Amino acid sequence: MRSFLGTDRVKIYQFAAGGSSEVIAESMSSTKPSLLRLHFRPHDISRSAKEMFLLTRQRSIVDVTKGIIRTITTQVGKKS
């Protein structure tokens, strides 16, 4: 996935019914600290952001060294 997206890090979050979330998988090419198993309390990620992730599967990817921002969107139930 990381190679396909051309990014240095990919994270997969699991959202719990109570609103908390956790990074359950991660792939990265850099020596930055890992975020694997990082837990977020219910208010750490806004409700609107969670709804956006669940509905559109959208995530902005920022390359701070090149100043590029890409947005990847996939509607649930539709092929991209």
Protein backbone atom coordinates (compact mmCIF):
# COMPACT_ATOMS: atom_id res chain seq x y z
CA MET A 1 0.00 0.00 0.00
CA ARG A 2 2.79 2.42 0.91
CA SER A 3 4.52 1.79 -2.41
CA PHE A 4 1.24 2.22 -4.35
CA LEU A 5 0.50 5.55 -2.64
CA GLY A 6 4.10 6.73 -2.85
CA THR A 7 4.22 7.66 0.84
CA ASP A 8 6.67 7.01 3.64
CA ARG A 9 3.98 5.91 6.13
CA VAL A 10 0.61 4.15 6.08
CA LYS A 11 -1.50 3.65 9.21
CA ILE A 12 -4.68 1.66 9.74
CA TYR A 13 -6.99 2.81 12.51
CA GLN A 14 -9.64 0.77 14.28
CA PHE A 15 -12.55 2.78 15.68
CA ALA A 16 -14.34 1.38 18.74
CA ALA A 17 -18.06 1.79 19.40
CA GLY A 18 -17.32 4.09 22.35
CA GLY A 19 -15.45 6.55 20.13
CA SER A 20 -11.86 5.64 20.97
CA SER A 21 -9.47 4.41 18.28
CA GLU A 22 -6.13 2.66 17.90
CA VAL A 23 -3.45 2.38 15.22
CA ILE A 24 -3.63 -1.37 14.56
CA ALA A 25 -1.20 -1.59 11.63
CA GLU A 26 1.58 0.56 10.27
CA SER A 27 4.15 0.46 7.52
CA MET A 28 6.88 3.07 7.24
CA SER A 29 10.15 3.59 5.49
CA SER A 30 11.64 6.23 7.76
CA THR A 31 13.26 6.17 11.15
CA LYS A 32 10.47 8.26 12.68
CA PRO A 33 8.89 6.90 15.87
CA SER A 34 6.28 4.22 15.30
CA LEU A 35 2.64 5.02 16.07
CA LEU A 36 1.63 1.36 16.20
CA ARG A 37 -0.68 0.56 19.16
CA LEU A 38 -1.18 4.28 19.82
CA HIS A 39 -4.58 4.77 21.47
CA PHE A 40 -6.75 7.84 20.94
CA ARG A 41 -9.42 8.86 23.44
CA PRO A 42 -12.90 9.55 22.01
CA HIS A 43 -12.34 13.31 21.78
CA ASP A 44 -8.82 13.12 20.28
CA ILE A 45 -10.22 12.62 16.77
CA SER A 46 -13.30 14.71 16.09
CA ARG A 47 -16.62 13.04 15.36
CA SER A 48 -16.79 14.77 11.97
CA ALA A 49 -13.31 13.48 11.04
CA LYS A 50 -14.28 9.92 12.03
CA GLU A 51 -17.50 10.17 10.01
CA MET A 52 -15.49 11.42 7.01
CA PHE A 53 -13.06 8.49 7.24
CA LEU A 54 -15.88 5.96 7.56
CA LEU A 55 -18.08 7.44 4.82
CA THR A 56 -15.61 8.52 2.14
CA ARG A 57 -12.42 6.63 3.06
CA GLN A 58 -10.66 9.94 2.48
CA ARG A 59 -7.30 10.96 3.78
CA SER A 60 -5.04 13.87 2.95
CA ILE A 61 -1.45 13.00 2.29
CA VAL A 62 1.04 15.78 2.88
CA ASP A 63 4.61 15.89 1.61
CA VAL A 64 6.16 18.69 3.63
CA THR A 65 9.45 18.52 1.73
CA LYS A 66 7.77 19.13 -1.65
CA GLY A 67 4.79 21.19 -0.49
CA ILE A 68 2.34 18.74 -2.10
CA ILE A 69 -1.05 17.86 -0.64
CA ARG A 70 -3.01 14.98 -2.25
CA THR A 71 -6.46 13.79 -1.33
CA ILE A 72 -7.54 10.21 -1.96
CA THR A 73 -11.26 9.52 -1.94
CA THR A 74 -13.15 6.27 -2.33
CA GLN A 75 -16.93 6.24 -1.76
CA VAL A 76 -18.07 3.24 0.24
CA GLY A 77 -19.64 0.73 -2.13
CA LYS A 78 -18.06 2.28 -5.24
CA LYS A 79 -14.90 1.23 -7.00
CA SER A 80 -12.32 3.96 -7.50
